[in-house]
C-alpha atoms as a PDB file:
ATOM      1  CA  MET A   1       0.040   0.066   0.046  1.00  0.00           C
ATOM      2  CA  GLU A   2       2.846   2.089   0.569  1.00  0.00           C
ATOM      3  CA  ASP A   3       4.177   2.019  -3.022  1.00  0.00           C
ATOM      4  CA  PHE A   4       0.313   2.812  -3.997  1.00  0.00           C
ATOM      5  CA  GLU A   5       0.248   6.120  -1.666  1.00  0.00           C
ATOM      6  CA  LEU A   6       3.718   7.048  -2.911  1.00  0.00           C
ATOM      7  CA  LYS A   7       2.337   7.251  -6.357  1.00  0.00           C
ATOM      8  CA  PHE A   8      -0.088   9.874  -5.625  1.00  0.00           C
ATOM      9  CA  ALA A   9       1.348  11.554  -2.556  1.00  0.00           C
ATOM     10  CA  LYS A  10       4.556  13.638  -4.340  1.00  0.00           C
ATOM     11  CA  GLU A  11       2.695  14.909  -6.979  1.00  0.00           C
ATOM     12  CA  LEU A  12       0.043  17.968  -7.262  1.00  0.00           C
ATOM     13  CA  PRO A  13      -2.694  17.525  -9.443  1.00  0.00           C
ATOM     14  CA  ALA A  14      -3.761  20.199 -12.355  1.00  0.00           C
ATOM     15  CA  GLU A  15      -5.837  22.942 -10.752  1.00  0.00           C
ATOM     16  CA  SER A  16      -8.942  21.539 -13.494  1.00  0.00           C
ATOM     17  CA  ASP A  17      -8.605  18.177 -11.473  1.00  0.00           C
ATOM     18  CA  ASN A  18     -10.491  20.128  -8.511  1.00  0.00           C
ATOM     19  CA  TYR A  19     -13.502  18.828  -7.933  1.00  0.00           C
ATOM     20  CA  SER A  20     -14.815  22.256  -7.575  1.00  0.00           C
ATOM     21  CA  VAL A  21     -13.819  22.657 -11.376  1.00  0.00           C
ATOM     22  CA  ILE A  22     -15.188  19.274 -12.248  1.00  0.00           C
ATOM     23  CA  TYR A  23     -18.284  19.502 -10.505  1.00  0.00           C
ATOM     24  CA  LYS A  24     -18.369  23.576 -11.208  1.00  0.00           C
ATOM     25  CA  ASP A  25     -19.457  24.182  -7.328  1.00  0.00           C
ATOM     26  CA  LYS A  26     -17.036  25.768  -4.721  1.00  0.00           C
ATOM     27  CA  LYS A  27     -18.633  23.602  -1.966  1.00  0.00           C
ATOM     28  CA  TYR A  28     -15.840  21.251  -3.427  1.00  0.00           C
ATOM     29  CA  ASN A  29     -13.002  23.340  -3.083  1.00  0.00           C
ATOM     30  CA  GLY A  30      -9.552  21.746  -1.792  1.00  0.00           C
ATOM     31  CA  TRP A  31     -10.668  18.255  -3.195  1.00  0.00           C
ATOM     32  CA  TYR A  32      -9.071  16.905  -5.951  1.00  0.00           C
ATOM     33  CA  ARG A  33      -8.924  13.839  -8.337  1.00  0.00           C
ATOM     34  CA  TYR A  34      -6.091  11.833  -8.820  1.00  0.00           C
ATOM     35  CA  ALA A  35      -6.284   9.541 -11.609  1.00  0.00           C
ATOM     36  CA  LEU A  36      -3.731   6.631 -12.277  1.00  0.00           C
ATOM     37  CA  ASP A  37      -4.198   4.397 -15.099  1.00  0.00           C
ATOM     38  CA  SER A  38      -2.952   0.744 -15.713  1.00  0.00           C
ATOM     39  CA  ALA A  39      -3.771  -2.305 -18.054  1.00  0.00           C
ATOM     40  CA  GLU A  40      -6.205  -3.397 -16.084  1.00  0.00           C
ATOM     41  CA  PHE A  41      -7.511  -0.275 -13.671  1.00  0.00           C
ATOM     42  CA  LEU A  42      -8.315   2.945 -13.327  1.00  0.00           C
ATOM     43  CA  ASP A  43      -7.813   4.310  -9.570  1.00  0.00           C
ATOM     44  CA  ILE A  44      -9.085   7.488  -8.685  1.00  0.00           C
ATOM     45  CA  ILE A  45      -7.755   8.938  -5.199  1.00  0.00           C
ATOM     46  CA  VAL A  46     -10.122  11.662  -3.733  1.00  0.00           C
ATOM     47  CA  ARG A  47      -7.759  13.770  -1.762  1.00  0.00           C
ATOM     48  CA  PHE A  48      -7.306  17.006  -0.213  1.00  0.00           C
ATOM     49  CA  ARG A  49      -4.748  19.495  -0.657  1.00  0.00           C
ATOM     50  CA  MET A  50      -4.932  23.201   0.034  1.00  0.00           C
ATOM     51  CA  PRO A  51      -5.889  24.948  -3.223  1.00  0.00           C
ATOM     52  CA  LYS A  52      -2.814  27.124  -5.322  1.00  0.00           C
ATOM     53  CA  THR A  53      -4.958  30.498  -4.454  1.00  0.00           C
ATOM     54  CA  LEU A  54      -7.197  31.238  -1.640  1.00  0.00           C
ATOM     55  CA  PRO A  55      -8.450  33.852   0.048  1.00  0.00           C
ATOM     56  CA  LEU A  56      -7.366  34.005   3.639  1.00  0.00           C
ATOM     57  CA  TYR A  57      -7.004  37.152   5.753  1.00  0.00           C
ATOM     58  CA  ASP A  58      -9.598  39.413   5.538  1.00  0.00           C
ATOM     59  CA  ASP A  59     -10.624  38.307   1.613  1.00  0.00           C
ATOM     60  CA  VAL A  60      -6.428  39.154   0.723  1.00  0.00           C
ATOM     61  CA  ALA A  61      -5.722  35.899  -1.984  1.00  0.00           C
ATOM     62  CA  ARG A  62      -2.880  33.880  -0.588  1.00  0.00           C
ATOM     63  CA  GLN A  63      -0.619  32.114  -3.296  1.00  0.00           C
ATOM     64  CA  PHE A  64       0.799  28.803  -2.443  1.00  0.00           C
ATOM     65  CA  LEU A  65       3.698  27.254  -3.147  1.00  0.00           C
ATOM     66  CA  PRO A  66       3.396  23.446  -5.037  1.00  0.00           C
ATOM     67  CA  GLU A  67       5.873  22.382  -2.095  1.00  0.00           C
ATOM     68  CA  GLU A  68       3.695  23.904   0.247  1.00  0.00           C
ATOM     69  CA  ARG A  69       0.749  21.837  -1.003  1.00  0.00           C
ATOM     70  CA  VAL A  70       2.717  18.682  -1.867  1.00  0.00           C
ATOM     71  CA  VAL A  71       3.929  18.933   2.012  1.00  0.00           C
ATOM     72  CA  GLY A  72       0.066  19.230   3.211  1.00  0.00           C
ATOM     73  CA  MET A  73       0.993  20.882   6.427  1.00  0.00           C
ATOM     74  CA  HIS A  74       0.139  24.994   6.773  1.00  0.00           C
ATOM     75  CA  ARG A  75       0.934  26.867   9.740  1.00  0.00           C
ATOM     76  CA  MET A  76      -0.420  30.335   9.618  1.00  0.00           C
ATOM     77  CA  LEU A  77      -0.751  32.827  12.441  1.00  0.00           C
ATOM     78  CA  LEU A  78      -4.130  34.508  13.421  1.00  0.00           C
ATOM     79  CA  GLY A  79      -5.380  37.732  12.048  1.00  0.00           C
ATOM     80  CA  LYS A  80      -1.919  37.487   9.734  1.00  0.00           C
ATOM     81  CA  ASP A  81       0.268  35.977   7.441  1.00  0.00           C
ATOM     82  CA  LEU A  82       3.287  33.976   9.136  1.00  0.00           C
ATOM     83  CA  GLN A  83       5.060  34.690   5.806  1.00  0.00           C
ATOM     84  CA  ASP A  84       4.702  38.515   7.129  1.00  0.00           C
ATOM     85  CA  GLU A  85       5.459  37.717  10.391  1.00  0.00           C
ATOM     86  CA  THR A  86       8.631  35.651   9.612  1.00  0.00           C
ATOM     87  CA  LYS A  87      10.387  38.102   6.507  1.00  0.00           C
ATOM     88  CA  ASP A  88      12.477  40.185   9.233  1.00  0.00           C
ATOM     89  CA  MET A  89      13.611  36.954  11.414  1.00  0.00           C
ATOM     90  CA  LEU A  90      14.760  35.641   8.129  1.00  0.00           C
ATOM     91  CA  ASN A  91      17.422  38.739   7.894  1.00  0.00           C
ATOM     92  CA  PHE A  92      19.069  37.218  10.718  1.00  0.00           C
ATOM     93  CA  GLU A  93      21.492  34.097  11.083  1.00  0.00           C
ATOM     94  CA  THR A  94      19.082  32.456  13.801  1.00  0.00           C
ATOM     95  CA  LEU A  95      16.146  33.588  15.628  1.00  0.00           C
ATOM     96  CA  ASN A  96      18.011  34.110  18.953  1.00  0.00           C
ATOM     97  CA  ASP A  97      19.943  36.768  16.652  1.00  0.00           C
ATOM     98  CA  TYR A  98      16.889  38.297  15.668  1.00  0.00           C
ATOM     99  CA  VAL A  99      15.310  38.110  19.569  1.00  0.00           C
ATOM    100  CA  ALA A 100      18.221  39.868  20.498  1.00  0.00           C
ATOM    101  CA  THR A 101      17.433  43.036  18.496  1.00  0.00           C
ATOM    102  CA  LEU A 102      13.876  43.380  20.304  1.00  0.00           C
ATOM    103  CA  GLU A 103      13.374  44.917  23.222  1.00  0.00           C
ATOM    104  CA  ASP A 104      11.525  42.668  26.079  1.00  0.00           C
ATOM    105  CA  ASP A 105       7.833  44.086  25.274  1.00  0.00           C
ATOM    106  CA  LYS A 106       8.519  42.790  21.426  1.00  0.00           C
ATOM    107  CA  VAL A 107       9.980  39.668  22.861  1.00  0.00           C
ATOM    108  CA  ASP A 108       6.982  39.028  24.766  1.00  0.00           C
ATOM    109  CA  GLU A 109       5.054  39.820  21.883  1.00  0.00           C
ATOM    110  CA  LEU A 110       6.830  37.695  19.586  1.00  0.00           C
ATOM    111  CA  LEU A 111       6.240  35.104  21.970  1.00  0.00           C
ATOM    112  CA  ASN A 112       2.453  35.846  22.196  1.00  0.00           C
ATOM    113  CA  ARG A 113       2.216  35.584  18.538  1.00  0.00           C
ATOM    114  CA  MET A 114       3.787  32.397  18.218  1.00  0.00           C
ATOM    115  CA  LYS A 115       0.791  30.811  20.601  1.00  0.00           C
ATOM    116  CA  SER A 116      -1.370  32.367  17.980  1.00  0.00           C
ATOM    117  CA  ILE A 117      -0.300  29.592  15.002  1.00  0.00           C
ATOM    118  CA  VAL A 118      -2.995  27.354  13.537  1.00  0.00           C
ATOM    119  CA  THR A 119      -1.895  24.144  11.946  1.00  0.00           C
ATOM    120  CA  PHE A 120      -3.743  22.448   9.094  1.00  0.00           C
ATOM    121  CA  ASN A 121      -2.843  19.201   8.224  1.00  0.00           C
ATOM    122  CA  CYS A 122      -4.372  18.203   5.274  1.00  0.00           C
ATOM    123  CA  ASN A 123      -2.506  14.858   5.680  1.00  0.00           C
ATOM    124  CA  LYS A 124      -4.575  13.634   8.136  1.00  0.00           C
ATOM    125  CA  ILE A 125      -8.059  14.012   6.267  1.00  0.00           C
ATOM    126  CA  PRO A 126      -8.835  10.481   4.794  1.00  0.00           C
ATOM    127  CA  TYR A 127      -8.828   9.933   1.060  1.00  0.00           C
ATOM    128  CA  LEU A 128     -11.394   8.059  -0.862  1.00  0.00           C
ATOM    129  CA  HIS A 129     -10.185   5.322  -3.232  1.00  0.00           C
ATOM    130  CA  ILE A 130     -11.940   3.843  -6.230  1.00  0.00           C
ATOM    131  CA  ARG A 131     -10.417   1.144  -8.172  1.00  0.00           C
ATOM    132  CA  ILE A 132     -12.125   0.345 -11.242  1.00  0.00           C
ATOM    133  CA  ARG A 133     -11.687  -2.994 -13.057  1.00  0.00           C
ATOM    134  CA  LYS A 134     -11.638  -1.608 -16.934  1.00  0.00           C
ATOM    135  CA  SER A 135     -12.819  -4.861 -18.226  1.00  0.00           C
ATOM    136  CA  LEU A 136     -16.527  -4.837 -16.031  1.00  0.00           C
ATOM    137  CA  GLY A 137     -17.003  -1.186 -18.655  1.00  0.00           C
ATOM    138  CA  LEU A 138     -17.580   0.618 -15.577  1.00  0.00           C
ATOM    139  CA  THR A 139     -16.183   4.209 -15.857  1.00  0.00           C
ATOM    140  CA  GLU A 140     -15.346   7.254 -13.269  1.00  0.00           C
ATOM    141  CA  LYS A 141     -19.129   8.898 -14.049  1.00  0.00           C
ATOM    142  CA  ASP A 142     -20.543   5.833 -11.954  1.00  0.00           C
ATOM    143  CA  TYR A 143     -19.000   6.802  -9.219  1.00  0.00           C
ATOM    144  CA  VAL A 144     -20.050  10.260  -8.950  1.00  0.00           C
ATOM    145  CA  GLU A 145     -22.373   9.864  -6.328  1.00  0.00           C
ATOM    146  CA  THR A 146     -20.151   7.938  -4.069  1.00  0.00           C
ATOM    147  CA  ILE A 147     -17.309  11.188  -4.540  1.00  0.00           C
ATOM    148  CA  GLN A 148     -19.967  13.840  -4.001  1.00  0.00           C
ATOM    149  CA  LYS A 149     -20.858  11.975  -0.412  1.00  0.00           C
ATOM    150  CA  HIS A 150     -17.307  11.018   0.531  1.00  0.00           C
ATOM    151  CA  ILE A 151     -16.772  14.870   0.135  1.00  0.00           C
ATOM    152  CA  SER A 152     -20.236  16.214   2.218  1.00  0.00           C
ATOM    153  CA  GLU A 153     -19.137  13.475   4.787  1.00  0.00           C
ATOM    154  CA  HIS A 154     -16.239  16.220   5.570  1.00  0.00           C
ATOM    155  CA  PRO A 155     -17.005  19.536   7.285  1.00  0.00           C
ATOM    156  CA  SER A 156     -15.463  22.643   5.273  1.00  0.00           C
ATOM    157  CA  TYR A 157     -12.387  22.594   5.971  1.00  0.00           C
ATOM    158  CA  LEU A 158     -11.535  25.697   3.793  1.00  0.00           C
ATOM    159  CA  LYS A 159     -14.332  27.651   5.396  1.00  0.00           C
ATOM    160  CA  ILE A 160     -12.715  26.673   9.128  1.00  0.00           C
ATOM    161  CA  PHE A 161      -9.284  27.838   8.595  1.00  0.00           C
ATOM    162  CA  TYR A 162     -10.930  30.827   7.014  1.00  0.00           C
ATOM    163  CA  ASP A 163     -12.701  31.396  10.281  1.00  0.00           C
ATOM    164  CA  VAL A 164     -10.320  30.654  12.469  1.00  0.00           C
ATOM    165  CA  LEU A 165      -7.462  32.735  11.025  1.00  0.00           C
ATOM    166  CA  ASN A 166     -10.025  35.503  10.676  1.00  0.00           C
ATOM    167  CA  GLU A 167     -10.548  34.920  14.710  1.00  0.00           C
ATOM    168  CA  ASN A 168     -14.633  34.616  13.819  1.00  0.00           C
ATOM    169  CA  ILE A 169     -14.345  31.583  15.911  1.00  0.00           C
ATOM    170  CA  THR A 170     -11.771  30.121  18.630  1.00  0.00           C
ATOM    171  CA  ILE A 171      -8.776  27.820  17.703  1.00  0.00           C
ATOM    172  CA  THR A 172     -10.917  25.120  20.581  1.00  0.00           C
ATOM    173  CA  GLN A 173     -13.819  25.660  17.936  1.00  0.00           C
ATOM    174  CA  ALA A 174     -11.799  25.173  14.858  1.00  0.00           C
ATOM    175  CA  THR A 175     -10.265  22.199  16.162  1.00  0.00           C
ATOM    176  CA  GLN A 176     -13.787  20.644  16.832  1.00  0.00           C
ATOM    177  CA  GLU A 177     -15.285  21.506  14.014  1.00  0.00           C
ATOM    178  CA  SER A 178     -12.598  19.968  11.560  1.00  0.00           C
ATOM    179  CA  ASN A 179     -12.039  16.793  13.881  1.00  0.00           C
ATOM    180  CA  ASN A 180      -8.448  18.046  15.062  1.00  0.00           C
ATOM    181  CA  MET A 181      -7.510  18.738  11.068  1.00  0.00           C
ATOM    182  CA  ILE A 182      -6.876  22.169  12.015  1.00  0.00           C
ATOM    183  CA  TYR A 183      -5.306  22.999  15.278  1.00  0.00           C
ATOM    184  CA  ASN A 184      -2.733  24.454  18.115  1.00  0.00           C
ATOM    185  CA  GLU A 185       0.387  22.360  19.008  1.00  0.00           C
ATOM    186  CA  GLN A 186       0.911  24.524  21.652  1.00  0.00           C
ATOM    187  CA  LEU A 187      -2.565  24.112  22.826  1.00  0.00           C
ATOM    188  CA  GLY A 188      -2.832  20.445  22.316  1.00  0.00           C
ATOM    189  CA  LEU A 189       0.508  20.267  24.680  1.00  0.00           C
ATOM    190  CA  THR A 190      -0.420  22.095  27.390  1.00  0.00           C
ATOM    191  CA  SER A 191      -4.043  20.340  27.790  1.00  0.00           C
ATOM    192  CA  LYS A 192      -2.562  16.845  27.823  1.00  0.00           C
END
């Protein structure tokens, strides 16, 4: 099974394979179709990945790098993009060098901001695998209901992520609503 999973885990599908494009309905955004074709079978994988572009903070669109999307782990700050926050830090050799340049109140502020990091782990979201034996004459169209049912059984991850980043809901609410796919690692450690 591991070799099979590696076939689709290392690649990104085309945006035309986003089920929101296929079904012309944005409620399927983030769910992608992976097709693995062999002489005997067509394997269809329905898997969640962060879309290439997504409005995050007050509807400002964020472009995700292909590497970020393949890895499937997204860490963002509440209320502000982590990339913006870390630009200054990247001008220093180490985080300690950066912190050494800050006044005490700025160090406290930085530490408090780090408590507000939300992790969205797309890899924890179960995928659907449909194996179609070509000799039976079935096609992918015969599985539309199965695919739509699988997706509808999951919460709206992108909406939850947007809501928590914009502080419309708490991290605890986001964790509960997303079935632990969106969470704060520090809260998880302190609650044990």
